[in-house]
Amino acid sequence: MIRYIISALFIVMGIVVLATAMVGNFRFGYVLNRMQVGATSDTLGAALIIFGLIVASGINATTVKLVVMVAFLWFANPVSSHFLARTEIISNENITKECEVV
């Protein structure tokens, strides 16, 4: 029973992180700000939910698959967000008006 309570807490925390990011995403006006919020919260929220599923499933083959998913998300989400941000910087002619680009 304790395992399912801990699992539910992780899943609820992940949902709260993703819901907060969704609301916060509407608050920002510029695309790079929105991408930063989406990248960080997506990585954390999905990882919390998957950790909750790991706790709920116990130690078995499914746990190994979920751990691989978390590892993939930790590598793929920041990299894809970086590539999208670089594309925005390269393709936007007015980027210096919006932010300071080095």
N, C-alpha and C. Protein backbone atom coordinates (compact mmCIF):
# COMPACT_ATOMS: atom_id res chain seq x y z
N MET A 1 0.82 -1.20 0.00
CA MET A 1 0.00 0.00 0.00
C MET A 1 0.87 1.26 0.00
N ILE A 2 1.97 1.22 0.75
CA ILE A 2 2.85 2.38 0.81
C ILE A 2 3.47 2.64 -0.56
N ARG A 3 3.79 1.57 -1.30
CA ARG A 3 4.36 1.72 -2.63
C ARG A 3 3.42 2.47 -3.57
N TYR A 4 2.13 2.19 -3.48
CA TYR A 4 1.17 2.86 -4.35
C TYR A 4 0.94 4.31 -3.94
N ILE A 5 1.06 4.61 -2.66
CA ILE A 5 0.94 6.00 -2.21
C ILE A 5 2.13 6.81 -2.73
N ILE A 6 3.33 6.24 -2.62
CA ILE A 6 4.51 6.92 -3.13
C ILE A 6 4.42 7.09 -4.64
N SER A 7 3.94 6.06 -5.32
CA SER A 7 3.75 6.13 -6.76
C SER A 7 2.76 7.23 -7.13
N ALA A 8 1.66 7.29 -6.42
CA ALA A 8 0.66 8.33 -6.68
C ALA A 8 1.22 9.72 -6.44
N LEU A 9 2.05 9.88 -5.41
CA LEU A 9 2.66 11.19 -5.14
C LEU A 9 3.57 11.62 -6.29
N PHE A 10 4.40 10.70 -6.79
CA PHE A 10 5.26 11.02 -7.93
C PHE A 10 4.44 11.40 -9.16
N ILE A 11 3.39 10.65 -9.43
CA ILE A 11 2.57 10.93 -10.61
C ILE A 11 1.86 12.27 -10.46
N VAL A 12 1.34 12.55 -9.28
CA VAL A 12 0.66 13.84 -9.06
C VAL A 12 1.65 14.99 -9.16
N MET A 13 2.85 14.82 -8.62
CA MET A 13 3.86 15.87 -8.75
C MET A 13 4.21 16.12 -10.22
N GLY A 14 4.32 15.06 -11.01
CA GLY A 14 4.59 15.22 -12.43
C GLY A 14 3.47 15.94 -13.16
N ILE A 15 2.24 15.61 -12.82
CA ILE A 15 1.09 16.28 -13.44
C ILE A 15 1.05 17.75 -13.04
N VAL A 16 1.36 18.04 -11.79
CA VAL A 16 1.38 19.44 -11.33
C VAL A 16 2.46 20.23 -12.07
N VAL A 17 3.64 19.63 -12.24
CA VAL A 17 4.72 20.31 -12.97
C VAL A 17 4.30 20.59 -14.41
N LEU A 18 3.72 19.61 -15.07
CA LEU A 18 3.30 19.81 -16.45
C LEU A 18 2.15 20.80 -16.58
N ALA A 19 1.21 20.77 -15.64
CA ALA A 19 0.09 21.73 -15.68
C ALA A 19 0.58 23.15 -15.40
N THR A 20 1.49 23.30 -14.47
CA THR A 20 2.05 24.62 -14.17
C THR A 20 2.81 25.16 -15.38
N ALA A 21 3.55 24.31 -16.04
CA ALA A 21 4.28 24.73 -17.24
C ALA A 21 3.34 25.11 -18.37
N MET A 22 2.23 24.39 -18.48
CA MET A 22 1.27 24.71 -19.52
C MET A 22 0.68 26.10 -19.30
N VAL A 23 0.33 26.40 -18.07
CA VAL A 23 -0.21 27.73 -17.76
C VAL A 23 0.88 28.78 -17.93
N GLY A 24 2.10 28.48 -17.46
CA GLY A 24 3.20 29.42 -17.59
C GLY A 24 3.60 29.67 -19.03
N ASN A 25 3.38 28.69 -19.88
CA ASN A 25 3.72 28.85 -21.28
C ASN A 25 2.87 29.93 -21.95
N PHE A 26 1.65 30.09 -21.50
CA PHE A 26 0.80 31.15 -22.04
C PHE A 26 1.20 32.52 -21.54
N ARG A 27 1.90 32.58 -20.43
CA ARG A 27 2.29 33.85 -19.85
C ARG A 27 3.46 34.51 -20.59
N PHE A 28 4.33 33.69 -21.16
CA PHE A 28 5.48 34.23 -21.87
C PHE A 28 5.10 34.58 -23.29
N GLY A 29 5.70 35.66 -23.80
CA GLY A 29 5.35 36.13 -25.12
C GLY A 29 6.32 35.74 -26.21
N TYR A 30 7.56 35.49 -25.83
CA TYR A 30 8.58 35.24 -26.85
C TYR A 30 8.85 33.75 -26.97
N VAL A 31 9.16 33.31 -28.16
CA VAL A 31 9.28 31.88 -28.45
C VAL A 31 10.42 31.23 -27.68
N LEU A 32 11.54 31.91 -27.48
CA LEU A 32 12.65 31.30 -26.76
C LEU A 32 12.32 31.11 -25.28
N ASN A 33 11.57 32.04 -24.71
CA ASN A 33 11.13 31.87 -23.32
C ASN A 33 10.19 30.68 -23.20
N ARG A 34 9.30 30.55 -24.15
CA ARG A 34 8.37 29.42 -24.13
C ARG A 34 9.09 28.09 -24.30
N MET A 35 10.10 28.09 -25.13
CA MET A 35 10.85 26.85 -25.34
C MET A 35 11.62 26.45 -24.09
N GLN A 36 12.14 27.42 -23.36
CA GLN A 36 12.88 27.11 -22.14
C GLN A 36 11.96 26.52 -21.09
N VAL A 37 10.78 27.09 -20.94
CA VAL A 37 9.81 26.56 -19.99
C VAL A 37 9.37 25.15 -20.39
N GLY A 38 9.11 24.98 -21.66
CA GLY A 38 8.67 23.67 -22.14
C GLY A 38 9.74 22.59 -21.99
N ALA A 39 10.98 22.94 -22.26
CA ALA A 39 12.05 21.94 -22.19
C ALA A 39 12.32 21.49 -20.76
N THR A 40 12.41 22.43 -19.84
CA THR A 40 12.73 22.04 -18.47
C THR A 40 11.57 21.32 -17.80
N SER A 41 10.38 21.83 -18.01
CA SER A 41 9.24 21.21 -17.33
C SER A 41 8.86 19.87 -17.95
N ASP A 42 9.04 19.74 -19.25
CA ASP A 42 8.73 18.47 -19.91
C ASP A 42 9.66 17.37 -19.42
N THR A 43 10.91 17.69 -19.27
CA THR A 43 11.87 16.71 -18.78
C THR A 43 11.55 16.31 -17.35
N LEU A 44 11.31 17.29 -16.49
CA LEU A 44 11.04 16.99 -15.08
C LEU A 44 9.69 16.32 -14.90
N GLY A 45 8.65 16.84 -15.54
CA GLY A 45 7.31 16.27 -15.37
C GLY A 45 7.21 14.84 -15.87
N ALA A 46 7.76 14.59 -17.04
CA ALA A 46 7.72 13.22 -17.58
C ALA A 46 8.56 12.27 -16.72
N ALA A 47 9.70 12.75 -16.23
CA ALA A 47 10.53 11.89 -15.39
C ALA A 47 9.82 11.55 -14.08
N LEU A 48 9.13 12.52 -13.48
CA LEU A 48 8.39 12.24 -12.24
C LEU A 48 7.27 11.22 -12.48
N ILE A 49 6.57 11.37 -13.56
CA ILE A 49 5.50 10.42 -13.87
C ILE A 49 6.06 9.02 -14.11
N ILE A 50 7.14 8.94 -14.85
CA ILE A 50 7.73 7.63 -15.12
C ILE A 50 8.31 7.03 -13.85
N PHE A 51 8.91 7.85 -12.96
CA PHE A 51 9.38 7.33 -11.68
C PHE A 51 8.22 6.79 -10.85
N GLY A 52 7.07 7.45 -10.92
CA GLY A 52 5.89 6.93 -10.25
C GLY A 52 5.47 5.59 -10.80
N LEU A 53 5.55 5.43 -12.11
CA LEU A 53 5.22 4.15 -12.73
C LEU A 53 6.24 3.07 -12.36
N ILE A 54 7.51 3.47 -12.22
CA ILE A 54 8.54 2.52 -11.80
C ILE A 54 8.25 2.01 -10.40
N VAL A 55 7.90 2.91 -9.50
CA VAL A 55 7.58 2.51 -8.12
C VAL A 55 6.36 1.60 -8.10
N ALA A 56 5.37 1.91 -8.93
CA ALA A 56 4.15 1.11 -8.95
C ALA A 56 4.37 -0.29 -9.52
N SER A 57 5.25 -0.40 -10.52
CA SER A 57 5.43 -1.71 -11.15
C SER A 57 6.35 -2.64 -10.38
N GLY A 58 7.18 -2.09 -9.51
CA GLY A 58 8.11 -2.94 -8.77
C GLY A 58 9.35 -3.23 -9.61
N ILE A 59 10.10 -4.26 -9.22
CA ILE A 59 11.32 -4.60 -9.94
C ILE A 59 11.01 -5.76 -10.89
N ASN A 60 11.00 -5.43 -12.19
CA ASN A 60 10.77 -6.44 -13.23
C ASN A 60 11.29 -5.88 -14.55
N ALA A 61 10.95 -6.53 -15.65
CA ALA A 61 11.43 -6.09 -16.97
C ALA A 61 10.83 -4.75 -17.36
N THR A 62 9.64 -4.46 -16.91
CA THR A 62 9.01 -3.18 -17.21
C THR A 62 9.78 -2.03 -16.58
N THR A 63 10.35 -2.26 -15.41
CA THR A 63 11.13 -1.24 -14.73
C THR A 63 12.36 -0.86 -15.56
N VAL A 64 13.00 -1.84 -16.15
CA VAL A 64 14.17 -1.57 -16.99
C VAL A 64 13.77 -0.73 -18.20
N LYS A 65 12.66 -1.04 -18.81
CA LYS A 65 12.18 -0.28 -19.95
C LYS A 65 11.85 1.16 -19.56
N LEU A 66 11.25 1.35 -18.39
CA LEU A 66 10.92 2.69 -17.93
C LEU A 66 12.18 3.49 -17.60
N VAL A 67 13.18 2.85 -17.05
CA VAL A 67 14.45 3.53 -16.76
C VAL A 67 15.12 3.97 -18.07
N VAL A 68 15.05 3.13 -19.09
CA VAL A 68 15.59 3.50 -20.40
C VAL A 68 14.83 4.69 -20.97
N MET A 69 13.51 4.71 -20.76
CA MET A 69 12.72 5.85 -21.23
C MET A 69 13.14 7.14 -20.54
N VAL A 70 13.36 7.09 -19.24
CA VAL A 70 13.80 8.28 -18.51
C VAL A 70 15.16 8.74 -19.02
N ALA A 71 16.08 7.82 -19.24
CA ALA A 71 17.39 8.19 -19.75
C ALA A 71 17.28 8.82 -21.14
N PHE A 72 16.43 8.25 -21.98
CA PHE A 72 16.24 8.83 -23.31
C PHE A 72 15.65 10.23 -23.22
N LEU A 73 14.67 10.43 -22.36
CA LEU A 73 14.07 11.76 -22.21
C LEU A 73 15.07 12.77 -21.70
N TRP A 74 15.92 12.37 -20.76
CA TRP A 74 16.91 13.31 -20.22
C TRP A 74 17.93 13.74 -21.27
N PHE A 75 18.18 12.89 -22.26
CA PHE A 75 19.11 13.28 -23.31
C PHE A 75 18.39 13.94 -24.48
N ALA A 76 17.24 13.46 -24.86
CA ALA A 76 16.58 13.93 -26.08
C ALA A 76 15.88 15.28 -25.91
N ASN A 77 15.21 15.51 -24.81
CA ASN A 77 14.47 16.76 -24.65
C ASN A 77 15.36 18.01 -24.67
N PRO A 78 16.44 18.06 -23.90
CA PRO A 78 17.29 19.26 -23.98
C PRO A 78 17.96 19.45 -25.34
N VAL A 79 18.34 18.36 -25.97
CA VAL A 79 18.98 18.47 -27.28
C VAL A 79 18.00 18.98 -28.33
N SER A 80 16.79 18.46 -28.34
CA SER A 80 15.82 18.93 -29.32
C SER A 80 15.43 20.38 -29.07
N SER A 81 15.32 20.77 -27.83
CA SER A 81 15.02 22.17 -27.53
C SER A 81 16.15 23.09 -27.95
N HIS A 82 17.38 22.64 -27.76
CA HIS A 82 18.53 23.43 -28.19
C HIS A 82 18.52 23.61 -29.71
N PHE A 83 18.23 22.54 -30.44
CA PHE A 83 18.20 22.64 -31.90
C PHE A 83 17.08 23.59 -32.36
N LEU A 84 15.94 23.52 -31.72
CA LEU A 84 14.85 24.44 -32.09
C LEU A 84 15.20 25.89 -31.76
N ALA A 85 15.87 26.11 -30.64
CA ALA A 85 16.27 27.47 -30.28
C ALA A 85 17.32 28.00 -31.26
N ARG A 86 18.26 27.17 -31.65
CA ARG A 86 19.27 27.59 -32.63
C ARG A 86 18.61 27.90 -33.98
N THR A 87 17.60 27.14 -34.35
CA THR A 87 16.90 27.41 -35.59
C THR A 87 16.18 28.75 -35.52
N GLU A 88 15.58 29.06 -34.39
CA GLU A 88 14.92 30.35 -34.21
C GLU A 88 15.93 31.49 -34.29
N ILE A 89 17.08 31.32 -33.69
CA ILE A 89 18.09 32.38 -33.71
C ILE A 89 18.62 32.59 -35.13
N ILE A 90 18.83 31.51 -35.85
CA ILE A 90 19.36 31.63 -37.21
C ILE A 90 18.33 32.21 -38.17
N SER A 91 17.07 31.82 -38.03
CA SER A 91 16.05 32.22 -39.01
C SER A 91 15.38 33.55 -38.71
N ASN A 92 15.50 34.07 -37.51
CA ASN A 92 14.84 35.33 -37.15
C ASN A 92 15.80 36.49 -37.37
N GLU A 93 15.43 37.40 -38.29
CA GLU A 93 16.29 38.55 -38.58
C GLU A 93 16.25 39.59 -37.46
N ASN A 94 15.16 39.65 -36.73
CA ASN A 94 14.98 40.65 -35.68
C ASN A 94 15.29 40.09 -34.29
N ILE A 95 16.17 39.12 -34.21
CA ILE A 95 16.45 38.48 -32.93
C ILE A 95 17.13 39.43 -31.97
N THR A 96 17.92 40.38 -32.46
CA THR A 96 18.63 41.30 -31.56
C THR A 96 17.67 42.28 -30.89
N LYS A 97 16.50 42.51 -31.49
CA LYS A 97 15.51 43.37 -30.84
C LYS A 97 14.82 42.67 -29.67
N GLU A 98 14.69 41.37 -29.78
CA GLU A 98 14.00 40.59 -28.74
C GLU A 98 14.90 40.18 -27.59
N CYS A 99 16.13 39.79 -27.89
CA CYS A 99 17.02 39.32 -26.83
C CYS A 99 18.47 39.56 -27.24
N GLU A 100 19.35 39.37 -26.28
CA GLU A 100 20.78 39.57 -26.52
C GLU A 100 21.38 38.24 -26.95
N VAL A 101 21.84 38.17 -28.18
CA VAL A 101 22.40 36.95 -28.73
C VAL A 101 23.91 37.12 -28.83
N VAL A 102 24.61 36.13 -28.31
CA VAL A 102 26.09 36.19 -28.36
C VAL A 102 26.59 35.44 -29.55
